[in-house]
Amino acid sequence: KIQSHEMKNDGQIFEFLDGNKEALKSFHEWRAKLRELLFKVD
C-alpha cells in the first residue's frame, strides 16, 4: 500500500494516513509484541 501510494506521487499523504489509521496502529502493536518475544526467546 505504501509503495503504491509513493508511486502515485500525488502529495496526498494526510489522506493516506487517515485512510490507513488502523493498519498503522497495528504496525506499532505488532512491532512491540514481536520485539518483546524476540528478547525473551534470545
All heavy atoms as atom14 arrays in JSON, in Angstrom:
{
  "sequence": "KIQSHEMKNDGQIFEFLDGNKEALKSFHEWRAKLRELLFKVD",
  "atom14_mask": [
    [1, 1, 1, 1, 1, 1, 1, 1, 1, 0, 0, 0, 0, 0],
    [1, 1, 1, 1, 1, 1, 1, 1, 0, 0, 0, 0, 0, 0],
    [1, 1, 1, 1, 1, 1, 1, 1, 1, 0, 0, 0, 0, 0],
    [1, 1, 1, 1, 1, 1, 0, 0, 0, 0, 0, 0, 0, 0],
    [1, 1, 1, 1, 1, 1, 1, 1, 1, 1, 0, 0, 0, 0],
    [1, 1, 1, 1, 1, 1, 1, 1, 1, 0, 0, 0, 0, 0],
    [1, 1, 1, 1, 1, 1, 1, 1, 0, 0, 0, 0, 0, 0],
    [1, 1, 1, 1, 1, 1, 1, 1, 1, 0, 0, 0, 0, 0],
    [1, 1, 1, 1, 1, 1, 1, 1, 0, 0, 0, 0, 0, 0],
    [1, 1, 1, 1, 1, 1, 1, 1, 0, 0, 0, 0, 0, 0],
    [1, 1, 1, 1, 0, 0, 0, 0, 0, 0, 0, 0, 0, 0],
    [1, 1, 1, 1, 1, 1, 1, 1, 1, 0, 0, 0, 0, 0],
    [1, 1, 1, 1, 1, 1, 1, 1, 0, 0, 0, 0, 0, 0],
    [1, 1, 1, 1, 1, 1, 1, 1, 1, 1, 1, 0, 0, 0],
    [1, 1, 1, 1, 1, 1, 1, 1, 1, 0, 0, 0, 0, 0],
    [1, 1, 1, 1, 1, 1, 1, 1, 1, 1, 1, 0, 0, 0],
    [1, 1, 1, 1, 1, 1, 1, 1, 0, 0, 0, 0, 0, 0],
    [1, 1, 1, 1, 1, 1, 1, 1, 0, 0, 0, 0, 0, 0],
    [1, 1, 1, 1, 0, 0, 0, 0, 0, 0, 0, 0, 0, 0],
    [1, 1, 1, 1, 1, 1, 1, 1, 0, 0, 0, 0, 0, 0],
    [1, 1, 1, 1, 1, 1, 1, 1, 1, 0, 0, 0, 0, 0],
    [1, 1, 1, 1, 1, 1, 1, 1, 1, 0, 0, 0, 0, 0],
    [1, 1, 1, 1, 1, 0, 0, 0, 0, 0, 0, 0, 0, 0],
    [1, 1, 1, 1, 1, 1, 1, 1, 0, 0, 0, 0, 0, 0],
    [1, 1, 1, 1, 1, 1, 1, 1, 1, 0, 0, 0, 0, 0],
    [1, 1, 1, 1, 1, 1, 0, 0, 0, 0, 0, 0, 0, 0],
    [1, 1, 1, 1, 1, 1, 1, 1, 1, 1, 1, 0, 0, 0],
    [1, 1, 1, 1, 1, 1, 1, 1, 1, 1, 0, 0, 0, 0],
    [1, 1, 1, 1, 1, 1, 1, 1, 1, 0, 0, 0, 0, 0],
    [1, 1, 1, 1, 1, 1, 1, 1, 1, 1, 1, 1, 1, 1],
    [1, 1, 1, 1, 1, 1, 1, 1, 1, 1, 1, 0, 0, 0],
    [1, 1, 1, 1, 1, 0, 0, 0, 0, 0, 0, 0, 0, 0],
    [1, 1, 1, 1, 1, 1, 1, 1, 1, 0, 0, 0, 0, 0],
    [1, 1, 1, 1, 1, 1, 1, 1, 0, 0, 0, 0, 0, 0],
    [1, 1, 1, 1, 1, 1, 1, 1, 1, 1, 1, 0, 0, 0],
    [1, 1, 1, 1, 1, 1, 1, 1, 1, 0, 0, 0, 0, 0],
    [1, 1, 1, 1, 1, 1, 1, 1, 0, 0, 0, 0, 0, 0],
    [1, 1, 1, 1, 1, 1, 1, 1, 0, 0, 0, 0, 0, 0],
    [1, 1, 1, 1, 1, 1, 1, 1, 1, 1, 1, 0, 0, 0],
    [1, 1, 1, 1, 1, 1, 1, 1, 1, 0, 0, 0, 0, 0],
    [1, 1, 1, 1, 1, 1, 1, 0, 0, 0, 0, 0, 0, 0],
    [1, 1, 1, 1, 1, 1, 1, 1, 0, 0, 0, 0, 0, 0]
  ],
  "atom14_positions": [
    [[0.83, -1.22, 0.0], [0.0, 0.0, 0.0], [0.86, 1.26, 0.0], [0.61, 2.2, -0.76], [-0.92, 0.02, 1.23], [-2.14, -0.86, 1.12], [-3.01, -0.69, 2.36], [-4.26, -1.55, 2.29], [-5.1, -1.37, 3.51], [0.0, 0.0, 0.0], [0.0, 0.0, 0.0], [0.0, 0.0, 0.0], [0.0, 0.0, 0.0], [0.0, 0.0, 0.0]],
    [[1.87, 1.29, 0.87], [2.74, 2.46, 0.97], [3.51, 2.68, -0.32], [3.62, 3.81, -0.82], [3.7, 2.32, 2.17], [2.92, 2.32, 3.48], [4.74, 3.43, 2.17], [3.76, 2.03, 4.71], [0.0, 0.0, 0.0], [0.0, 0.0, 0.0], [0.0, 0.0, 0.0], [0.0, 0.0, 0.0], [0.0, 0.0, 0.0], [0.0, 0.0, 0.0]],
    [[4.04, 1.6, -0.89], [4.8, 1.72, -2.13], [3.9, 2.18, -3.28], [4.32, 2.98, -4.12], [5.47, 0.39, -2.46], [6.61, 0.05, -1.5], [7.22, -1.31, -1.77], [6.67, -2.13, -2.5], [8.38, -1.58, -1.18], [0.0, 0.0, 0.0], [0.0, 0.0, 0.0], [0.0, 0.0, 0.0], [0.0, 0.0, 0.0], [0.0, 0.0, 0.0]],
    [[2.68, 1.69, -3.32], [1.73, 2.12, -4.36], [1.42, 3.6, -4.22], [1.34, 4.33, -5.21], [0.43, 1.31, -4.27], [0.67, -0.06, -4.47], [0.0, 0.0, 0.0], [0.0, 0.0, 0.0], [0.0, 0.0, 0.0], [0.0, 0.0, 0.0], [0.0, 0.0, 0.0], [0.0, 0.0, 0.0], [0.0, 0.0, 0.0], [0.0, 0.0, 0.0]],
    [[1.26, 4.05, -2.98], [0.99, 5.47, -2.75], [2.18, 6.33, -3.15], [2.02, 7.42, -3.74], [0.66, 5.7, -1.27], [0.46, 7.14, -0.92], [1.47, 7.94, -0.43], [-0.64, 7.95, -1.04], [1.01, 9.15, -0.24], [-0.27, 9.2, -0.59], [0.0, 0.0, 0.0], [0.0, 0.0, 0.0], [0.0, 0.0, 0.0], [0.0, 0.0, 0.0]],
    [[3.39, 5.86, -2.83], [4.6, 6.61, -3.19], [4.76, 6.72, -4.7], [5.24, 7.73, -5.21], [5.83, 5.94, -2.57], [5.92, 6.05, -1.07], [6.12, 7.47, -0.59], [6.91, 8.2, -1.21], [5.46, 7.86, 0.4], [0.0, 0.0, 0.0], [0.0, 0.0, 0.0], [0.0, 0.0, 0.0], [0.0, 0.0, 0.0], [0.0, 0.0, 0.0]],
    [[4.35, 5.67, -5.42], [4.47, 5.68, -6.88], [3.52, 6.71, -7.51], [3.83, 7.28, -8.56], [4.18, 4.29, -7.44], [5.29, 3.28, -7.14], [4.87, 1.6, -7.67], [4.8, 1.83, -9.44], [0.0, 0.0, 0.0], [0.0, 0.0, 0.0], [0.0, 0.0, 0.0], [0.0, 0.0, 0.0], [0.0, 0.0, 0.0], [0.0, 0.0, 0.0]],
    [[2.39, 6.96, -6.86], [1.44, 7.97, -7.39], [2.02, 9.38, -7.32], [1.76, 10.21, -8.19], [0.13, 7.93, -6.58], [-0.68, 6.66, -6.79], [-1.93, 6.7, -5.92], [-2.73, 5.41, -6.05], [-3.92, 5.42, -5.15], [0.0, 0.0, 0.0], [0.0, 0.0, 0.0], [0.0, 0.0, 0.0], [0.0, 0.0, 0.0], [0.0, 0.0, 0.0]],
    [[2.8, 9.61, -6.23], [3.45, 10.91, -6.06], [2.46, 12.07, -6.17], [2.72, 13.09, -6.81], [4.57, 11.07, -7.11], [5.56, 12.17, -6.73], [5.7, 12.48, -5.56], [6.22, 12.74, -7.72], [0.0, 0.0, 0.0], [0.0, 0.0, 0.0], [0.0, 0.0, 0.0], [0.0, 0.0, 0.0], [0.0, 0.0, 0.0], [0.0, 0.0, 0.0]],
    [[1.28, 11.89, -5.52], [0.25, 12.93, -5.62], [0.24, 13.87, -4.41], [-0.56, 14.81, -4.34], [-1.14, 12.28, -5.75], [-1.44, 11.31, -4.6], [-0.63, 11.26, -3.65], [-2.47, 10.62, -4.66], [0.0, 0.0, 0.0], [0.0, 0.0, 0.0], [0.0, 0.0, 0.0], [0.0, 0.0, 0.0], [0.0, 0.0, 0.0], [0.0, 0.0, 0.0]],
    [[1.12, 13.61, -3.45], [1.23, 14.51, -2.31], [0.1, 14.39, -1.31], [0.04, 15.19, -0.35], [0.0, 0.0, 0.0], [0.0, 0.0, 0.0], [0.0, 0.0, 0.0], [0.0, 0.0, 0.0], [0.0, 0.0, 0.0], [0.0, 0.0, 0.0], [0.0, 0.0, 0.0], [0.0, 0.0, 0.0], [0.0, 0.0, 0.0], [0.0, 0.0, 0.0]],
    [[-0.79, 13.44, -1.49], [-1.94, 13.29, -0.59], [-1.59, 12.4, 0.61], [-2.25, 11.41, 0.89], [-3.13, 12.69, -1.36], [-3.56, 13.48, -2.58], [-4.05, 14.87, -2.21], [-4.73, 15.04, -1.22], [-3.7, 15.85, -3.03], [0.0, 0.0, 0.0], [0.0, 0.0, 0.0], [0.0, 0.0, 0.0], [0.0, 0.0, 0.0], [0.0, 0.0, 0.0]],
    [[-0.54, 12.78, 1.33], [-0.07, 11.94, 2.43], [-1.05, 11.91, 3.59], [-1.26, 10.86, 4.22], [1.33, 12.43, 2.92], [1.87, 11.49, 4.0], [1.26, 13.86, 3.42], [2.14, 10.11, 3.55], [0.0, 0.0, 0.0], [0.0, 0.0, 0.0], [0.0, 0.0, 0.0], [0.0, 0.0, 0.0], [0.0, 0.0, 0.0], [0.0, 0.0, 0.0]],
    [[-1.7, 13.04, 3.88], [-2.62, 13.07, 5.01], [-3.86, 12.22, 4.75], [-4.4, 11.59, 5.65], [-3.02, 14.51, 5.33], [-1.87, 15.34, 5.84], [-1.29, 16.3, 5.03], [-1.35, 15.13, 7.11], [-0.22, 17.06, 5.49], [-0.28, 15.88, 7.58], [0.29, 16.85, 6.76], [0.0, 0.0, 0.0], [0.0, 0.0, 0.0], [0.0, 0.0, 0.0]],
    [[-4.33, 12.22, 3.5], [-5.46, 11.37, 3.14], [-5.09, 9.9, 3.29], [-5.88, 9.08, 3.76], [-5.92, 11.65, 1.71], [-6.67, 12.96, 1.53], [-5.74, 14.17, 1.47], [-4.51, 13.99, 1.63], [-6.25, 15.28, 1.29], [0.0, 0.0, 0.0], [0.0, 0.0, 0.0], [0.0, 0.0, 0.0], [0.0, 0.0, 0.0], [0.0, 0.0, 0.0]],
    [[-3.86, 9.57, 2.91], [-3.39, 8.19, 3.03], [-3.32, 7.78, 4.51], [-3.74, 6.69, 4.89], [-2.02, 8.03, 2.37], [-1.44, 6.65, 2.49], [-1.83, 5.64, 1.61], [-0.54, 6.33, 3.51], [-1.32, 4.35, 1.73], [-0.03, 5.05, 3.62], [-0.42, 4.06, 2.73], [0.0, 0.0, 0.0], [0.0, 0.0, 0.0], [0.0, 0.0, 0.0]],
    [[-2.76, 8.65, 5.33], [-2.65, 8.35, 6.76], [-4.02, 8.18, 7.4], [-4.23, 7.28, 8.21], [-1.89, 9.49, 7.47], [-0.4, 9.63, 7.13], [0.17, 10.88, 7.8], [0.37, 8.41, 7.54], [0.0, 0.0, 0.0], [0.0, 0.0, 0.0], [0.0, 0.0, 0.0], [0.0, 0.0, 0.0], [0.0, 0.0, 0.0], [0.0, 0.0, 0.0]],
    [[-4.96, 9.04, 6.99], [-6.32, 8.95, 7.55], [-7.02, 7.66, 7.12], [-7.75, 7.06, 7.9], [-7.13, 10.17, 7.09], [-8.48, 10.23, 7.79], [-8.5, 10.29, 9.03], [-9.51, 10.19, 7.07], [0.0, 0.0, 0.0], [0.0, 0.0, 0.0], [0.0, 0.0, 0.0], [0.0, 0.0, 0.0], [0.0, 0.0, 0.0], [0.0, 0.0, 0.0]],
    [[-6.77, 7.24, 5.9], [-7.42, 6.05, 5.37], [-6.82, 4.74, 5.88], [-7.41, 3.67, 5.73], [0.0, 0.0, 0.0], [0.0, 0.0, 0.0], [0.0, 0.0, 0.0], [0.0, 0.0, 0.0], [0.0, 0.0, 0.0], [0.0, 0.0, 0.0], [0.0, 0.0, 0.0], [0.0, 0.0, 0.0], [0.0, 0.0, 0.0], [0.0, 0.0, 0.0]],
    [[-5.62, 4.83, 6.47], [-4.94, 3.61, 6.94], [-4.54, 3.72, 8.41], [-3.53, 3.16, 8.84], [-3.68, 3.36, 6.08], [-4.02, 3.03, 4.65], [-4.28, 1.89, 4.3], [-3.99, 4.05, 3.79], [0.0, 0.0, 0.0], [0.0, 0.0, 0.0], [0.0, 0.0, 0.0], [0.0, 0.0, 0.0], [0.0, 0.0, 0.0], [0.0, 0.0, 0.0]],
    [[-5.37, 4.42, 9.19], [-5.07, 4.62, 10.61], [-4.95, 3.29, 11.36], [-4.03, 3.09, 12.15], [-6.16, 5.49, 11.25], [-6.08, 6.96, 10.9], [-7.07, 7.78, 11.72], [-8.49, 7.38, 11.4], [-9.48, 8.28, 12.07], [0.0, 0.0, 0.0], [0.0, 0.0, 0.0], [0.0, 0.0, 0.0], [0.0, 0.0, 0.0], [0.0, 0.0, 0.0]],
    [[-5.89, 2.38, 11.1], [-5.89, 1.11, 11.82], [-4.66, 0.27, 11.48], [-4.07, -0.37, 12.36], [-7.17, 0.33, 11.5], [-8.43, 0.94, 12.08], [-8.37, 1.08, 13.59], [-7.88, 0.13, 14.25], [-8.79, 2.11, 14.11], [0.0, 0.0, 0.0], [0.0, 0.0, 0.0], [0.0, 0.0, 0.0], [0.0, 0.0, 0.0], [0.0, 0.0, 0.0]],
    [[-4.29, 0.26, 10.2], [-3.13, -0.52, 9.77], [-1.85, 0.04, 10.39], [-0.97, -0.72, 10.84], [-3.02, -0.53, 8.26], [0.0, 0.0, 0.0], [0.0, 0.0, 0.0], [0.0, 0.0, 0.0], [0.0, 0.0, 0.0], [0.0, 0.0, 0.0], [0.0, 0.0, 0.0], [0.0, 0.0, 0.0], [0.0, 0.0, 0.0], [0.0, 0.0, 0.0]],
    [[-1.74, 1.37, 10.44], [-0.54, 1.99, 11.01], [-0.49, 1.77, 12.53], [0.6, 1.57, 13.09], [-0.54, 3.49, 10.71], [-0.44, 3.84, 9.21], [-0.61, 5.33, 9.0], [0.88, 3.37, 8.64], [0.0, 0.0, 0.0], [0.0, 0.0, 0.0], [0.0, 0.0, 0.0], [0.0, 0.0, 0.0], [0.0, 0.0, 0.0], [0.0, 0.0, 0.0]],
    [[-1.63, 1.78, 13.16], [-1.69, 1.47, 14.6], [-1.28, 0.02, 14.85], [-0.52, -0.28, 15.78], [-3.1, 1.73, 15.12], [-3.27, 1.42, 16.61], [-4.72, 1.61, 17.05], [-4.9, 1.21, 18.51], [-6.32, 1.32, 18.94], [0.0, 0.0, 0.0], [0.0, 0.0, 0.0], [0.0, 0.0, 0.0], [0.0, 0.0, 0.0], [0.0, 0.0, 0.0]],
    [[-1.79, -0.88, 14.0], [-1.46, -2.31, 14.14], [0.03, -2.54, 13.94], [0.62, -3.44, 14.56], [-2.25, -3.13, 13.12], [-3.63, -3.07, 13.4], [0.0, 0.0, 0.0], [0.0, 0.0, 0.0], [0.0, 0.0, 0.0], [0.0, 0.0, 0.0], [0.0, 0.0, 0.0], [0.0, 0.0, 0.0], [0.0, 0.0, 0.0], [0.0, 0.0, 0.0]],
    [[0.66, -1.74, 13.06], [2.1, -1.88, 12.82], [2.87, -1.73, 14.13], [3.75, -2.53, 14.45], [2.57, -0.84, 11.81], [4.07, -0.74, 11.7], [4.78, -1.62, 10.89], [4.78, 0.22, 12.43], [6.17, -1.54, 10.8], [6.16, 0.3, 12.34], [6.86, -0.58, 11.53], [0.0, 0.0, 0.0], [0.0, 0.0, 0.0], [0.0, 0.0, 0.0]],
    [[2.54, -0.7, 14.89], [3.26, -0.44, 16.15], [2.92, -1.49, 17.21], [3.78, -1.86, 18.02], [2.93, 0.96, 16.64], [3.44, 2.05, 15.74], [4.79, 2.34, 15.63], [2.81, 2.88, 14.88], [4.96, 3.31, 14.76], [3.78, 3.66, 14.29], [0.0, 0.0, 0.0], [0.0, 0.0, 0.0], [0.0, 0.0, 0.0], [0.0, 0.0, 0.0]],
    [[1.68, -1.97, 17.2], [1.29, -3.02, 18.16], [2.03, -4.32, 17.86], [2.54, -4.99, 18.77], [-0.22, -3.24, 18.1], [-1.02, -2.08, 18.67], [-2.51, -2.24, 18.45], [-2.91, -3.17, 17.68], [-3.29, -1.47, 19.04], [0.0, 0.0, 0.0], [0.0, 0.0, 0.0], [0.0, 0.0, 0.0], [0.0, 0.0, 0.0], [0.0, 0.0, 0.0]],
    [[2.07, -4.7, 16.57], [2.79, -5.9, 16.16], [4.28, -5.78, 16.52], [4.9, -6.72, 17.04], [2.65, -6.13, 14.67], [1.48, -6.94, 14.25], [0.41, -6.53, 13.51], [1.26, -8.33, 14.52], [-0.47, -7.58, 13.31], [0.03, -8.68, 13.92], [1.97, -9.3, 15.22], [-0.49, -9.97, 13.99], [1.45, -10.58, 15.3], [0.24, -10.9, 14.69]],
    [[4.85, -4.62, 16.22], [6.29, -4.41, 16.47], [6.62, -4.55, 17.95], [7.6, -5.21, 18.32], [6.69, -3.03, 15.96], [8.18, -2.71, 16.14], [8.55, -1.41, 15.45], [9.96, -1.11, 15.7], [10.4, -0.37, 16.73], [9.52, 0.15, 17.58], [11.69, -0.15, 16.89], [0.0, 0.0, 0.0], [0.0, 0.0, 0.0], [0.0, 0.0, 0.0]],
    [[5.8, -3.96, 18.82], [6.04, -4.04, 20.25], [5.93, -5.49, 20.74], [6.78, -5.95, 21.53], [5.03, -3.16, 20.99], [0.0, 0.0, 0.0], [0.0, 0.0, 0.0], [0.0, 0.0, 0.0], [0.0, 0.0, 0.0], [0.0, 0.0, 0.0], [0.0, 0.0, 0.0], [0.0, 0.0, 0.0], [0.0, 0.0, 0.0], [0.0, 0.0, 0.0]],
    [[4.94, -6.2, 20.27], [4.73, -7.59, 20.69], [5.89, -8.48, 20.24], [6.42, -9.28, 21.03], [3.42, -8.11, 20.11], [3.15, -9.58, 20.4], [1.85, -10.03, 19.75], [1.61, -11.52, 20.0], [0.34, -11.98, 19.37], [0.0, 0.0, 0.0], [0.0, 0.0, 0.0], [0.0, 0.0, 0.0], [0.0, 0.0, 0.0], [0.0, 0.0, 0.0]],
    [[6.3, -8.34, 18.99], [7.34, -9.21, 18.45], [8.72, -8.87, 19.03], [9.54, -9.76, 19.22], [7.38, -9.09, 16.92], [6.22, -9.8, 16.22], [6.1, -9.33, 14.76], [6.41, -11.31, 16.26], [0.0, 0.0, 0.0], [0.0, 0.0, 0.0], [0.0, 0.0, 0.0], [0.0, 0.0, 0.0], [0.0, 0.0, 0.0], [0.0, 0.0, 0.0]],
    [[8.97, -7.59, 19.3], [10.24, -7.21, 19.93], [10.36, -7.83, 21.32], [11.44, -8.29, 21.72], [10.36, -5.68, 20.0], [10.82, -5.06, 18.7], [10.66, -3.54, 18.74], [11.48, -2.94, 19.77], [12.76, -2.57, 19.61], [13.36, -2.78, 18.45], [13.42, -2.0, 20.6], [0.0, 0.0, 0.0], [0.0, 0.0, 0.0], [0.0, 0.0, 0.0]],
    [[9.27, -7.85, 22.05], [9.27, -8.46, 23.39], [9.53, -9.96, 23.3], [10.35, -10.5, 24.05], [7.94, -8.2, 24.09], [7.86, -8.78, 25.49], [6.52, -8.58, 26.16], [5.66, -7.9, 25.57], [6.33, -9.11, 27.27], [0.0, 0.0, 0.0], [0.0, 0.0, 0.0], [0.0, 0.0, 0.0], [0.0, 0.0, 0.0], [0.0, 0.0, 0.0]],
    [[8.84, -10.62, 22.37], [9.04, -12.06, 22.2], [10.46, -12.38, 21.75], [11.07, -13.34, 22.23], [8.04, -12.61, 21.18], [6.61, -12.82, 21.67], [5.68, -13.15, 20.5], [6.55, -13.93, 22.72], [0.0, 0.0, 0.0], [0.0, 0.0, 0.0], [0.0, 0.0, 0.0], [0.0, 0.0, 0.0], [0.0, 0.0, 0.0], [0.0, 0.0, 0.0]],
    [[11.0, -11.56, 20.85], [12.36, -11.77, 20.35], [13.37, -11.64, 21.49], [14.32, -12.42, 21.57], [12.68, -10.76, 19.25], [14.02, -10.94, 18.53], [14.05, -12.27, 17.77], [14.28, -9.78, 17.58], [0.0, 0.0, 0.0], [0.0, 0.0, 0.0], [0.0, 0.0, 0.0], [0.0, 0.0, 0.0], [0.0, 0.0, 0.0], [0.0, 0.0, 0.0]],
    [[13.14, -10.69, 22.38], [14.03, -10.5, 23.53], [13.96, -11.7, 24.47], [14.99, -12.18, 24.96], [13.64, -9.22, 24.28], [14.43, -9.0, 25.54], [15.73, -8.49, 25.49], [13.9, -9.31, 26.78], [16.46, -8.3, 26.65], [14.62, -9.13, 27.94], [15.91, -8.62, 27.88], [0.0, 0.0, 0.0], [0.0, 0.0, 0.0], [0.0, 0.0, 0.0]],
    [[12.76, -12.2, 24.72], [12.59, -13.31, 25.65], [13.14, -14.62, 25.08], [13.7, -15.45, 25.8], [11.1, -13.5, 25.98], [10.54, -12.4, 26.87], [9.07, -12.64, 27.16], [8.51, -11.59, 28.11], [7.05, -11.78, 28.36], [0.0, 0.0, 0.0], [0.0, 0.0, 0.0], [0.0, 0.0, 0.0], [0.0, 0.0, 0.0], [0.0, 0.0, 0.0]],
    [[12.99, -14.8, 23.77], [13.45, -16.04, 23.13], [14.97, -16.11, 23.06], [15.56, -17.17, 23.24], [12.85, -16.17, 21.71], [13.55, -17.26, 20.93], [11.36, -16.46, 21.78], [0.0, 0.0, 0.0], [0.0, 0.0, 0.0], [0.0, 0.0, 0.0], [0.0, 0.0, 0.0], [0.0, 0.0, 0.0], [0.0, 0.0, 0.0], [0.0, 0.0, 0.0]],
    [[15.6, -14.97, 22.82], [17.04, -14.88, 22.53], [17.23, -15.18, 21.04], [17.04, -16.31, 20.58], [17.87, -15.83, 23.39], [19.37, -15.67, 23.13], [19.74, -14.85, 22.27], [20.16, -16.37, 23.77], [0.0, 0.0, 0.0], [0.0, 0.0, 0.0], [0.0, 0.0, 0.0], [0.0, 0.0, 0.0], [0.0, 0.0, 0.0], [0.0, 0.0, 0.0]]
  ]
}
